[in-house]
Protein backbone atom coordinates (compact mmCIF):
# COMPACT_ATOMS: atom_id res chain seq x y z
CA MET A 1 25.97 -21.69 -19.32
CA ASN A 2 25.66 -20.82 -15.73
CA PRO A 3 26.53 -17.22 -14.91
CA GLU A 4 27.88 -18.54 -11.11
CA ARG A 5 31.00 -20.04 -12.58
CA GLY A 6 34.27 -18.42 -11.72
CA ILE A 7 32.80 -16.15 -8.95
CA LYS A 8 35.36 -14.06 -6.72
CA GLU A 9 34.07 -12.40 -3.98
CA ARG A 10 35.23 -9.53 -1.89
CA GLY A 11 33.52 -8.11 1.14
CA GLY A 12 32.40 -11.24 2.97
CA LYS A 13 32.40 -15.13 2.85
CA GLY A 14 30.28 -16.84 0.32
CA GLY A 15 27.28 -19.35 1.28
CA ILE A 16 23.61 -19.42 1.00
CA PHE A 17 21.47 -16.49 2.28
CA GLU A 18 19.17 -17.97 5.05
CA GLY A 19 17.57 -14.96 6.41
CA VAL A 20 17.11 -13.87 9.98
CA SER A 21 18.30 -16.29 12.91
CA LYS A 22 16.07 -18.64 14.29
CA SER A 23 13.80 -17.19 17.39
CA ALA A 24 13.82 -18.38 20.73
CA SER A 25 10.56 -19.39 22.85
CA SER A 26 10.37 -16.63 25.40
CA GLY A 27 11.82 -13.47 26.92
CA SER A 28 10.78 -10.78 24.50
CA PRO A 29 10.16 -7.35 25.84
CA GLY A 30 6.85 -5.44 25.12
CA VAL A 31 6.63 -2.94 22.29
CA ASN A 32 7.73 0.03 24.37
CA GLY A 33 10.54 -1.88 25.89
CA LYS A 34 8.79 -2.77 29.37
CA GLY A 35 6.32 -5.06 28.43
CA THR A 36 3.44 -2.64 29.76
CA GLY A 37 1.89 -1.26 26.60
CA VAL A 38 1.38 2.08 28.26
CA THR A 39 -0.36 4.42 25.54
CA THR A 40 1.51 7.88 25.25
CA ASP A 41 -1.40 9.65 23.21
CA PRO A 42 -2.35 12.25 25.38
CA ARG A 43 -5.70 12.33 24.17
CA GLN A 44 -6.33 8.67 24.94
CA ILE A 45 -5.27 9.35 28.51
CA ALA A 46 -7.76 12.05 29.06
CA VAL A 47 -10.32 9.92 27.82
CA ARG A 48 -9.29 6.85 30.02
CA SER A 49 -8.65 9.16 33.12
CA ASN A 50 -12.33 10.88 32.79
CA ALA A 51 -14.14 7.73 31.69
CA ARG A 52 -16.12 7.40 34.66
CA SER A 53 -19.82 6.63 35.35
CA SER A 54 -22.06 9.18 37.48
CA ASN A 55 -21.00 7.26 40.73
CA GLY A 56 -17.27 7.93 40.03
CA ASN A 57 -16.14 4.40 40.53
CA GLU A 58 -16.76 2.35 37.21
CA LYS A 59 -15.57 3.00 34.03
CA THR A 60 -17.53 3.38 30.98
CA VAL A 61 -16.53 1.73 27.62
CA ASP A 62 -14.85 3.83 25.22
CA TYR A 63 -16.41 3.49 21.82
CA ARG A 64 -13.78 5.44 19.92
CA SER A 65 -10.90 3.19 20.74
CA GLY A 66 -9.25 0.73 18.50
CA ARG A 67 -9.02 0.40 14.77
CA GLY A 68 -11.56 -1.35 12.24
CA ARG A 69 -10.90 -3.64 9.66
CA SER A 70 -11.55 -3.26 5.77
CA HIS A 71 -13.19 -5.68 3.61
CA PRO A 72 -10.85 -7.31 0.94
CA LEU A 73 -13.22 -6.36 -1.83
CA HIS A 74 -12.81 -2.73 -0.92
CA ASP A 75 -8.98 -3.32 -0.37
CA GLY A 76 -8.91 -4.32 -4.22
CA ILE A 77 -10.86 -1.27 -5.35
CA THR A 78 -8.35 0.96 -3.63
CA ARG A 79 -5.40 -0.97 -4.86
CA LEU A 80 -6.94 -0.66 -8.32
CA ARG A 81 -7.82 3.17 -8.06
CA ASP A 82 -4.09 3.71 -7.11
CA LEU A 83 -2.96 1.63 -10.02
CA PHE A 84 -5.13 3.68 -12.41
CA PHE A 85 -4.06 7.05 -11.03
CA GLY A 86 -0.33 5.91 -11.54
CA LEU A 87 -0.97 4.95 -15.05
CA GLY A 88 -2.63 8.38 -15.81
CA PHE A 89 -6.36 7.72 -15.73
CA THR A 90 -9.06 10.13 -14.43
CA GLU A 91 -11.85 8.99 -12.36
CA MET A 92 -15.58 9.43 -13.52
CA GLU A 93 -18.73 8.69 -12.05
CA LEU A 94 -21.55 6.95 -14.14
CA SER A 95 -25.22 6.40 -13.64
CA TYR A 96 -26.75 3.31 -12.28
CA PHE A 97 -29.74 4.05 -14.15
CA VAL A 98 -29.67 3.24 -17.86
CA PRO A 99 -32.81 4.03 -20.28
CA ASP A 100 -33.64 0.61 -22.37
CA THR A 101 -33.48 3.23 -25.40
CA ASP A 102 -29.68 3.58 -24.61
CA ILE A 103 -29.32 0.06 -24.63
CA LYS A 104 -31.18 -0.48 -27.77
CA LYS A 105 -29.13 2.40 -29.47
CA LEU A 106 -25.63 0.73 -28.48
CA TYR A 107 -26.86 -3.23 -29.31
CA GLY A 108 -29.44 -2.50 -32.07
CA PRO A 109 -31.00 -5.98 -32.91
CA HIS A 110 -28.92 -7.66 -30.26
CA SER A 111 -30.16 -5.68 -27.52
CA GLY A 112 -32.83 -8.36 -26.53
CA SER A 113 -30.63 -10.72 -24.74
CA ILE A 114 -28.96 -7.70 -22.64
CA LEU A 115 -32.56 -6.46 -21.78
CA THR A 116 -33.51 -9.74 -20.61
CA GLU A 117 -30.57 -10.11 -18.29
CA SER A 118 -31.33 -6.67 -16.89
CA TYR A 119 -33.31 -5.35 -13.85
CA PHE A 120 -36.12 -2.72 -14.86
CA LEU A 121 -37.15 -0.14 -12.14
CA SER A 122 -40.87 0.07 -11.30
CA HIS A 123 -43.11 2.60 -9.80
CA MET A 124 -46.39 2.41 -7.64
CA LYS A 125 -49.79 3.28 -9.88
CA GLY A 126 -53.20 3.23 -8.47
CA VAL A 127 -55.85 0.75 -9.88
CA HIS A 128 -59.49 1.83 -9.49
CA PHE A 129 -62.01 -0.73 -8.07
CA PRO A 130 -64.29 -0.95 -5.07
CA PRO A 131 -62.29 -0.98 -1.65
CA PRO A 132 -62.11 -4.32 0.32
CA GLU A 133 -63.22 -4.11 3.79
CA ASP A 134 -59.74 -3.39 5.24
CA ILE A 135 -59.42 -0.58 3.26
CA ALA A 136 -62.71 0.60 4.37
CA ARG A 137 -61.90 0.40 7.80
CA ALA A 138 -58.57 2.14 7.34
CA ILE A 139 -60.09 5.04 5.61
CA GLU A 140 -62.65 5.06 8.40
CA ASN A 141 -60.11 5.19 11.22
CA VAL A 142 -57.78 7.87 9.44
CA LEU A 143 -60.77 10.03 7.79
CA PRO A 144 -63.73 9.56 9.67
CA GLY A 145 -66.96 10.77 8.03
CA MET A 146 -65.51 11.02 4.53
CA GLU A 147 -67.13 9.06 1.51
CA GLN A 148 -65.11 5.86 0.90
CA GLU A 149 -65.53 6.42 -3.24
CA GLU A 150 -64.28 10.00 -2.83
CA VAL A 151 -61.28 9.09 -0.69
CA ILE A 152 -60.26 6.12 -3.25
CA ASN A 153 -60.60 8.37 -6.07
CA ARG A 154 -58.47 11.15 -4.50
CA LEU A 155 -55.80 8.53 -3.72
CA ILE A 156 -55.55 7.19 -7.18
CA GLY A 157 -55.26 10.68 -8.42
CA LEU A 158 -52.28 11.13 -6.55
CA MET A 159 -50.77 7.89 -7.80
CA LYS A 160 -51.36 8.67 -11.56
CA ASN A 161 -47.74 9.64 -12.18
CA PRO A 162 -44.62 7.75 -11.02
CA VAL A 163 -44.14 8.56 -7.23
CA ASN A 164 -41.92 7.39 -4.42
CA ILE A 165 -43.45 6.57 -1.15
CA ASP A 166 -42.05 9.77 0.55
CA ASP A 167 -43.81 12.07 -2.25
CA LEU A 168 -47.08 9.83 -1.96
CA ALA A 169 -47.00 10.54 2.02
CA ASN A 170 -46.56 13.99 1.77
CA GLY A 171 -49.07 14.41 -1.30
CA ILE A 172 -51.78 12.43 1.05
CA MET A 173 -50.89 14.59 4.22
CA VAL A 174 -51.56 17.77 2.01
CA GLU A 175 -54.58 16.29 0.13
CA PHE A 176 -56.28 15.46 3.40
CA GLN A 177 -54.85 17.48 5.91
CA ILE A 178 -53.69 14.84 8.19
CA PRO A 179 -50.54 13.91 9.96
CA PRO A 180 -47.48 11.99 8.07
CA GLU A 181 -47.87 8.94 10.17
CA LYS A 182 -51.63 8.57 9.21
CA GLY A 183 -50.88 9.07 5.51
CA ARG A 184 -48.02 6.29 5.75
CA SER A 185 -50.52 3.99 7.30
CA LEU A 186 -52.89 4.38 4.55
CA ILE A 187 -50.17 3.50 2.01
CA ASP A 188 -49.35 0.26 4.03
CA VAL A 189 -53.11 -0.86 3.32
CA LEU A 190 -53.03 0.17 -0.14
CA VAL A 191 -50.15 -1.66 -0.95
CA ARG A 192 -51.16 -4.82 1.05
CA GLU A 193 -54.93 -4.81 -0.74
CA GLU A 194 -53.46 -4.17 -4.17
CA ILE A 195 -55.40 -1.06 -4.57
CA CYS A 196 -52.12 0.26 -6.25
CA GLU A 197 -49.63 -1.92 -8.36
CA LEU A 198 -46.12 -1.68 -9.62
CA GLU A 199 -45.86 -0.34 -13.29
CA ASN A 200 -42.53 -1.09 -15.17
CA GLN A 201 -40.50 1.72 -16.36
CA ARG A 202 -38.09 1.60 -19.41
CA ILE A 203 -35.24 2.21 -17.22
CA THR A 204 -32.70 -0.46 -16.22
CA LEU A 205 -30.11 -0.73 -13.43
CA ARG A 206 -26.89 -0.91 -15.29
CA LYS A 207 -25.72 -4.52 -16.26
CA GLU A 208 -22.43 -3.29 -17.96
CA MET A 209 -20.65 -0.25 -18.39
CA GLY A 210 -20.74 0.30 -22.05
CA PRO A 211 -24.16 2.24 -22.45
CA PRO A 212 -23.56 4.71 -19.46
CA TRP A 213 -20.18 5.40 -20.98
CA MET A 214 -21.26 6.65 -24.28
CA PRO A 215 -22.80 10.06 -23.00
CA THR A 216 -19.99 10.40 -20.52
CA VAL A 217 -17.34 9.96 -23.40
CA LYS A 218 -19.14 12.33 -25.72
CA ALA A 219 -19.20 15.21 -23.21
CA VAL A 220 -15.53 14.64 -22.15
CA GLN A 221 -13.98 14.69 -25.54
CA LYS A 222 -15.37 18.43 -25.90
CA LEU A 223 -13.34 19.16 -22.63
CA SER A 224 -10.13 17.42 -23.46
CA SER A 225 -7.52 16.59 -26.20
CA PRO A 226 -6.58 12.93 -27.08
CA PRO A 227 -5.60 10.81 -25.72
CA ILE A 228 -8.32 10.74 -23.09
CA LYS A 229 -7.80 8.17 -20.23
CA ILE A 230 -10.72 7.82 -18.03
CA PHE A 231 -12.02 5.04 -15.66
CA THR A 232 -14.82 4.02 -13.15
CA ILE A 233 -15.46 1.46 -10.56
CA GLY A 234 -18.67 0.58 -9.53
CA MET A 235 -21.39 -2.04 -8.95
CA GLY A 236 -23.53 -3.64 -12.10
CA PHE A 237 -26.55 -5.94 -11.76
CA HIS A 238 -27.25 -9.00 -13.52
CA HIS A 239 -30.42 -11.18 -13.59
CA GLU A 240 -28.27 -14.60 -12.90
CA PRO A 241 -30.67 -17.70 -13.29
CA VAL A 242 -28.39 -19.67 -10.80
CA LEU A 243 -26.31 -18.16 -7.80
CA ASP A 244 -23.10 -20.30 -7.28
CA ALA A 245 -19.34 -20.14 -6.62
CA MET A 246 -18.74 -18.04 -9.76
CA HIS A 247 -22.01 -16.20 -10.20
CA LEU A 248 -23.86 -13.41 -8.02
CA ARG A 249 -26.55 -10.98 -9.15
CA ASN A 250 -24.43 -7.98 -8.26
CA HIS A 251 -20.73 -7.39 -8.99
CA TYR A 252 -18.09 -4.55 -9.07
CA THR A 253 -16.79 -3.87 -12.64
CA ALA A 254 -13.47 -1.75 -13.04
CA SER A 255 -14.16 -0.08 -16.49
CA LEU A 256 -11.47 1.99 -18.49
CA VAL A 257 -11.77 3.95 -21.81
CA ILE A 258 -8.90 5.28 -23.95
CA LEU A 259 -10.07 7.68 -26.72
CA ASP A 260 -7.50 8.57 -29.06
CA ARG A 261 -6.92 9.23 -32.81
CA SER A 262 -5.93 5.58 -33.33
CA ILE A 263 -5.59 2.70 -30.85
CA ASN A 264 -2.08 1.32 -30.42
CA MET A 265 -2.73 -2.58 -29.22
CA ASP A 266 0.75 -2.65 -27.91
CA SER A 267 0.17 0.14 -25.40
CA ILE A 268 -3.23 -1.50 -24.52
CA LYS A 269 -1.38 -4.67 -23.74
CA GLU A 270 1.39 -2.77 -21.56
CA VAL A 271 -1.55 -1.14 -19.53
CA LEU A 272 -3.24 -4.65 -19.01
CA ASP A 273 0.10 -6.10 -18.03
CA ASP A 274 0.84 -3.28 -15.38
CA ILE A 275 -2.67 -3.67 -13.85
CA MET A 276 -2.29 -7.69 -13.62
CA GLU A 277 1.25 -7.27 -12.03
CA GLY A 278 0.04 -4.60 -9.80
CA LEU A 279 -2.68 -7.20 -8.47
CA HIS A 280 -0.08 -9.94 -8.29
CA ILE A 281 -1.70 -11.98 -10.99
CA ALA A 282 1.25 -13.84 -12.58
CA GLU A 283 -0.38 -14.87 -15.90
CA HIS A 284 -3.19 -13.79 -18.19
CA ARG A 285 -4.01 -13.80 -21.79
CA LEU A 286 -5.99 -12.00 -24.41
CA ASP A 287 -8.50 -14.58 -26.34
CA VAL A 288 -9.93 -13.10 -29.52
CA ASN A 289 -13.72 -13.14 -29.35
CA PRO A 290 -15.49 -12.15 -32.55
CA ASP A 291 -18.66 -9.86 -31.67
CA PRO A 292 -21.64 -10.91 -33.42
CA SER A 293 -23.57 -7.53 -32.58
CA HIS A 294 -20.80 -5.67 -34.25
CA ILE A 295 -20.33 -3.04 -31.55
CA PHE A 296 -16.50 -3.93 -31.53
CA LYS A 297 -14.20 -4.38 -34.59
CA SER A 298 -14.16 -7.91 -35.63
CA ASP A 299 -10.62 -8.64 -34.90
CA ARG A 300 -10.45 -6.14 -31.77
CA LYS A 301 -12.65 -7.96 -29.25
CA PHE A 302 -11.23 -9.92 -26.66
CA ILE A 303 -11.97 -11.79 -23.46
CA ILE A 304 -9.50 -11.44 -20.76
CA ARG A 305 -8.60 -14.76 -18.91
CA CYS A 306 -6.50 -16.00 -15.99
CA GLY A 307 -6.10 -19.74 -16.27
CA GLU A 308 -9.56 -20.91 -17.05
CA ILE A 309 -11.28 -18.07 -15.10
CA LYS A 310 -12.48 -15.32 -17.25
CA VAL A 311 -12.09 -12.14 -15.64
CA GLY A 312 -13.02 -9.31 -18.26
CA GLU A 313 -13.43 -8.26 -21.60
CA CYS A 314 -12.28 -5.52 -23.77
CA GLY A 315 -12.22 -4.00 -27.31
CA GLU A 316 -12.04 -1.42 -29.65
CA LEU A 317 -15.52 0.02 -30.62
CA SER A 318 -16.41 -0.12 -34.40
CA PRO A 319 -16.63 3.45 -35.95
CA GLU A 320 -20.31 3.00 -36.95
CA VAL A 321 -21.22 2.81 -33.25
CA LEU A 322 -19.00 5.83 -32.18
CA GLN A 323 -20.41 7.71 -35.03
CA SER A 324 -24.23 7.25 -34.03
CA PHE A 325 -23.12 8.66 -30.53
CA ASP A 326 -21.21 11.59 -32.01
CA ILE A 327 -17.86 10.78 -30.82
CA GLU A 328 -14.99 11.18 -32.52
CA GLY A 329 -11.67 9.23 -33.00
CA ALA A 330 -11.21 5.67 -31.77
CA MET A 331 -12.19 4.06 -28.24
CA PHE A 332 -10.97 1.26 -26.44
CA LEU A 333 -13.16 -0.09 -23.62
CA VAL A 334 -11.85 -2.26 -20.95
CA ASP A 335 -14.16 -4.05 -18.18
CA LEU A 336 -12.71 -6.08 -15.53
CA GLY A 337 -14.86 -7.98 -12.98
CA LEU A 338 -13.27 -7.23 -9.76
CA GLU A 339 -14.47 -9.94 -7.84
CA HIS A 340 -13.03 -12.47 -10.10
CA MET A 341 -9.65 -10.75 -10.23
CA ILE A 342 -9.28 -10.93 -6.34
CA MET A 343 -10.31 -14.49 -6.44
CA VAL A 344 -7.67 -15.15 -8.78
CA SER A 345 -5.15 -12.68 -6.91
CA GLU A 346 -5.70 -13.96 -3.36
CA GLY A 347 -7.05 -17.64 -4.11
CA TYR A 348 -10.40 -17.58 -3.04
CA PRO A 349 -12.30 -20.76 -4.43
CA ASP A 350 -15.69 -19.28 -4.01
CA ILE A 351 -17.04 -15.58 -4.75
CA ARG A 352 -19.47 -15.75 -1.92
CA GLU A 353 -16.65 -16.25 0.50
CA LEU A 354 -14.89 -13.15 -0.66
CA LEU A 355 -18.03 -10.94 -0.37
CA TYR A 356 -19.63 -12.49 2.49
CA PRO A 357 -16.92 -13.93 4.83
CA GLN A 358 -19.61 -13.61 7.70
CA PHE A 359 -21.62 -16.54 6.01
CA TYR A 360 -18.64 -18.23 4.26
CA SER A 361 -15.81 -18.13 6.62
CA ALA A 362 -12.52 -19.70 6.08
CA TRP A 363 -10.97 -22.64 8.34
CA SER A 364 -9.09 -22.12 11.57
CA LEU A 365 -5.20 -21.37 11.41
CA SER A 366 -2.75 -20.97 14.51
CA ASP A 367 -0.40 -17.96 14.64
CA LEU A 368 2.35 -20.43 13.85
CA ASP A 369 0.72 -21.75 10.68
CA ILE A 370 0.07 -17.87 9.70
CA ALA A 371 3.67 -16.95 10.38
CA ARG A 372 5.01 -19.99 8.46
CA SER A 373 2.80 -19.00 5.41
CA ILE A 374 4.68 -15.72 5.02
CA LYS A 375 7.36 -16.15 2.40
CA PRO A 376 9.32 -14.08 -0.31
CA ILE A 377 7.76 -13.71 -3.58
CA LYS A 378 11.21 -13.40 -5.30
CA ARG A 379 14.41 -15.05 -4.08
CA PRO A 380 17.68 -15.81 -5.50
CA GLU A 381 18.53 -19.24 -6.93
CA THR A 382 22.04 -19.12 -7.76
CA ALA A 383 25.22 -18.50 -5.60
CA ILE A 384 25.88 -14.99 -6.50
CA GLY A 385 22.32 -14.25 -6.02
CA LYS A 386 22.41 -15.45 -2.52
CA ILE A 387 25.82 -14.04 -1.96
CA VAL A 388 24.42 -10.67 -2.77
CA ALA A 389 21.45 -10.85 -0.77
CA ARG A 390 23.30 -11.77 2.28
CA ALA A 391 25.70 -8.90 1.92
CA VAL A 392 22.81 -6.57 1.33
CA LYS A 393 21.50 -7.32 4.43
CA LYS A 394 24.89 -7.34 6.42
CA GLY A 395 25.62 -3.81 4.97
CA CYS A 396 22.23 -2.24 5.94
CA LEU A 397 22.74 -3.37 9.41
CA MET A 398 26.28 -2.17 9.70
CA ASN A 399 25.53 1.38 8.04
CA ARG A 400 22.02 1.91 9.25
CA SER A 401 23.14 5.42 11.27
CA VAL A 402 25.32 6.58 8.69
CA LYS A 403 24.28 10.36 7.94
CA THR A 404 23.19 11.44 4.25
CA PRO A 405 24.01 12.16 1.79
CA ALA A 406 26.30 8.93 1.61
CA ARG A 407 27.08 5.93 -0.34
CA LYS A 408 28.54 2.78 0.99
CA VAL A 409 29.74 -0.16 -1.10
CA LEU A 410 28.12 -3.22 0.07
CA TRP A 411 29.95 -6.02 -2.24
CA THR A 412 32.23 -5.87 -5.09
CA GLY A 413 33.23 -9.08 -6.95
CA GLU A 414 34.07 -10.53 -10.41
CA VAL A 415 31.37 -12.70 -12.28
CA TYR A 416 31.96 -14.52 -15.79
CA ILE A 417 29.03 -13.93 -17.94
CA PRO A 418 28.45 -15.79 -21.36
CA ASP A 419 29.24 -13.95 -24.33
CA ILE A 420 27.66 -15.29 -27.32
CA THR A 421 29.15 -14.68 -30.88
CA GLU A 422 28.25 -16.22 -34.26
CA SER A 423 30.62 -18.94 -34.02
CA GLU A 424 31.05 -19.89 -30.23
CA GLU A 425 30.24 -19.10 -26.84
CA SER A 426 32.72 -17.84 -24.28
CA LEU A 427 33.09 -16.25 -20.72
CA LYS A 428 33.85 -12.70 -20.31
CA ARG A 429 34.95 -11.36 -16.93
CA HIS A 430 33.03 -8.32 -15.50
CA ARG A 431 33.09 -6.50 -12.22
CA LEU A 432 29.63 -6.49 -10.12
CA LYS A 433 29.41 -3.60 -7.69
CA ILE A 434 26.72 -3.33 -4.97
CA THR A 435 26.15 0.00 -3.16
CA LEU A 436 23.92 1.19 -0.64
CA GLU A 437 22.79 4.95 -1.33
CA ASN A 438 20.78 7.83 -0.05
CA PRO A 439 21.26 11.17 -1.95
CA TYR A 440 18.91 13.23 0.43
CA ALA A 441 20.55 15.24 3.17
CA GLY A 442 19.41 15.23 6.77
CA THR A 443 18.60 11.53 7.16
CA THR A 444 20.34 8.17 7.55
CA LEU A 445 21.11 5.57 4.84
CA CYS A 446 18.32 3.22 6.05
CA GLY A 447 14.81 4.24 6.85
CA PRO A 448 13.40 3.80 10.60
CA ALA A 449 11.53 0.85 9.56
CA PHE A 450 14.05 -0.89 7.37
CA ASN A 451 14.37 -3.92 9.69
CA ASN A 452 11.11 -4.07 11.15
CA GLN A 453 10.18 -7.64 12.39
CA ILE A 454 7.11 -9.41 11.82
CA PHE A 455 5.02 -10.81 14.35
CA VAL A 456 1.64 -12.91 14.58
CA SER A 457 -0.45 -12.75 17.74
CA ARG A 458 -4.08 -13.89 17.78
CA GLY A 459 -4.42 -13.85 13.94
CA ASP A 460 -3.05 -10.55 13.62
CA ILE A 461 0.05 -9.91 11.69
CA THR A 462 2.14 -6.84 12.90
CA GLY A 463 5.38 -5.19 11.68
CA ILE A 464 7.26 -3.87 14.75
CA PRO A 465 10.28 -1.79 14.83
CA VAL A 466 13.46 -2.94 16.50
CA GLY A 467 16.68 -0.92 17.84
CA GLU A 468 20.10 -1.23 16.86
CA ASP A 469 20.49 -3.48 19.99
CA GLU A 470 17.48 -5.59 19.70
CA ASP A 471 18.31 -7.33 16.29
CA LYS A 472 17.85 -10.78 18.18
CA ASN A 473 14.23 -10.21 19.51
CA LYS A 474 12.41 -13.64 20.36
CA THR A 475 9.16 -14.73 20.05
CA GLY A 476 7.11 -14.31 23.33
CA PRO A 477 3.66 -13.73 24.86
CA ASP A 478 3.91 -10.03 24.43
CA ARG A 479 4.38 -9.91 20.56
CA GLY A 480 3.35 -13.54 19.44
CA ILE A 481 4.98 -15.72 16.78
CA ARG A 482 7.96 -14.01 14.92
CA VAL A 483 8.17 -14.43 11.41
CA LYS A 484 11.34 -16.02 9.74
CA TYR A 485 11.72 -12.92 7.32
CA SER A 486 11.90 -9.16 8.35
CA TYR A 487 11.57 -6.15 5.97
CA LEU A 488 15.21 -6.25 5.28
CA ASP A 489 15.30 -9.90 4.68
CA GLY A 490 12.65 -9.57 1.90
CA PHE A 491 14.22 -6.70 0.46
CA ALA A 492 17.72 -8.29 0.45
CA LEU A 493 16.43 -11.33 -1.12
CA MET A 494 14.70 -9.11 -3.97
CA VAL A 495 18.20 -7.43 -4.66
CA GLY A 496 19.80 -10.92 -4.97
CA ASN A 497 16.96 -11.89 -7.56
CA ARG A 498 17.33 -8.78 -9.45
CA VAL A 499 21.18 -9.39 -9.82
CA GLU A 500 20.43 -12.87 -11.40
CA ASP A 501 17.85 -11.21 -13.93
CA LEU A 502 20.16 -8.26 -14.57
CA LEU A 503 23.38 -10.12 -15.37
CA GLY A 504 24.81 -8.78 -18.59
CA PRO A 505 27.59 -6.36 -19.68
CA GLY A 506 26.94 -2.67 -19.15
CA LYS A 507 23.77 -3.11 -16.77
CA SER A 508 22.96 -1.10 -14.00
CA GLU A 509 19.72 -0.64 -11.72
CA SER A 510 18.68 0.70 -8.59
CA VAL A 511 16.38 -1.44 -6.46
CA LYS A 512 14.19 0.92 -3.94
CA SER A 513 11.91 0.36 -1.18
CA GLY A 514 10.00 3.63 0.04
CA MET A 515 7.00 3.89 2.46
CA VAL A 516 5.74 0.24 2.98
CA LYS A 517 2.03 -0.15 3.02
CA ASN A 518 1.84 -3.95 2.90
CA LEU A 519 3.74 -7.28 2.60
CA GLN A 520 4.30 -7.12 -1.05
CA ASP A 521 6.20 -3.75 -0.80
CA VAL A 522 8.86 -5.77 0.98
CA ASN A 523 8.81 -8.74 -1.35
CA LEU A 524 6.85 -10.92 1.17
CA LYS A 525 3.41 -12.62 0.71
CA LEU A 526 0.84 -14.53 2.54
CA ASP A 527 -0.10 -18.01 1.20
CA ARG A 528 -3.74 -17.84 -0.20
CA LYS A 529 -5.13 -20.12 2.42
CA ALA A 530 -3.79 -17.87 5.26
CA TYR A 531 -4.87 -14.34 3.51
CA ARG A 532 -8.45 -15.77 3.21
CA PHE A 533 -8.30 -16.97 6.81
CA ILE A 534 -7.22 -13.42 7.95
CA LYS A 535 -9.67 -11.55 5.86
CA SER A 536 -12.47 -13.90 6.70
CA ASN A 537 -12.16 -13.57 10.39
CA GLN A 538 -11.36 -9.65 10.19
CA ARG A 539 -8.04 -10.02 11.64
CA ASP A 540 -5.46 -7.05 11.15
CA LEU A 541 -2.64 -6.84 8.66
CA ASP A 542 -0.67 -4.14 9.83
CA VAL A 543 2.55 -4.13 7.83
CA LYS A 544 3.84 -0.73 6.88
CA GLY A 545 6.50 1.92 7.72
CA PRO A 546 9.09 4.11 6.10
CA VAL A 547 11.99 1.77 4.69
CA PHE A 548 13.56 3.84 2.41
CA LEU A 549 16.34 1.68 1.10
CA GLN A 550 18.05 2.36 -2.41
CA VAL A 551 20.47 -0.31 -3.76
CA ASN A 552 22.40 0.33 -6.81
CA ILE A 553 23.59 -2.61 -8.99
CA SER A 554 26.37 -2.04 -11.56
CA ILE A 555 28.07 -4.55 -14.09
CA LYS A 556 30.89 -3.38 -16.11
CA LYS A 557 33.51 -5.69 -18.12
CA SER A 558 36.81 -5.99 -16.36
CA HIS A 559 39.93 -5.04 -18.38
């Protein structure tokens, strides 16, 4: 039964919430109200006034001005770190270098496939055989008068043990009492003529996080009490035979470990749900993946998928594995492929386009195309939700300057909610009340940025504050194309949507928006195509500011 039936409204007319009024084509003043764009930063003014060349006429370039742009991958890393901190996880750093003995210890007879897909480190080692003519000439040029055989033997002696280039150059400099540049010229010839060769070490670049986690967990458990929640985000290296839209040889992994006396799978799933929600991934699932290596418990090894894309793996390690590393309790490991998660979240069709936009750039979009691509994440679908959304917007604008602490009623009305009993379904009358509140003294009911308007100019998206008398700012050359939805529009639509979800007897909730850092914080989003265009072309996405709105929803039975 539809909860819209029998709506009685007070505090405004009914109708569908349409958002802000349509923008006109021109006439907008500049950001400072005069269209001049004059900076008021004293440091910048001083720099500009003193930026003269030696002749006093021509200005020089100021390389300190402007603001750079972040890479979408590192935006995702920042977002994930904030999510993990908010879930109570402590950050760790793991070694990139993993001895093959650690891999064999963890994977046992199944370690062969892991080692085959891993990169091994090598070092330079001398090989003794008569020097070719190039070597002889190089030795004569650098060390005139010395016996060739003696020089070669002394060089090979310096390279018997693993050594890096800097240490070898210093060793040659000390051994033969020559300048560093002459020592390096000898090394160049040695490598080119294969007097020294690469010898494989038994150390790999980490492919996955399991092996380097084990010594870290063993150490941390001695310093903390369970539950222990730790994470790391870093690069892994996989010897992929084919590079394509889904596979590269280097990848970032977000890895979490939970160590407890026992593992609660419901709590694990809640952690994964929060992570996916924080990245705005709508759907994911855990597919049971039996582990032939018996590292994980047979029924506790999973593949994490979003649609058909594998974004990670997780599982509870077997007691035998933990015992072999002297780890007590139960340990659950989650490895998330960061690039694949961002591909799902932001709609990249090709992992190379995400990582290397300078080579795989997206198509061209106009400012109008980008402005039209910004839409609400959540919006009301019923009449009551749309009425509440419109009332929230109107009430915030009317009470924006009210001093706090304060509370203002934005809308009250009666709604009829289905009451299902064992024998029948009936409608019961309830009172719905929407209030705007700020309990903190010394400010106003609405934050300074609560009604910021969003503009698109040359591909940059910017949230711009407007004054009380500027609610009808127009699109114009100073600001670009105005987006249909403001910060307040997105927030109001979110409240209307939440009312629809909340309808039920005795329900109450506060919907809040604090310091805005991105579009999602005000219930707005870019479509995937526009997002990829902006990131690929390194355009600015500057939507932020102190919104500080709190709207309370209260539903009570009417008597």
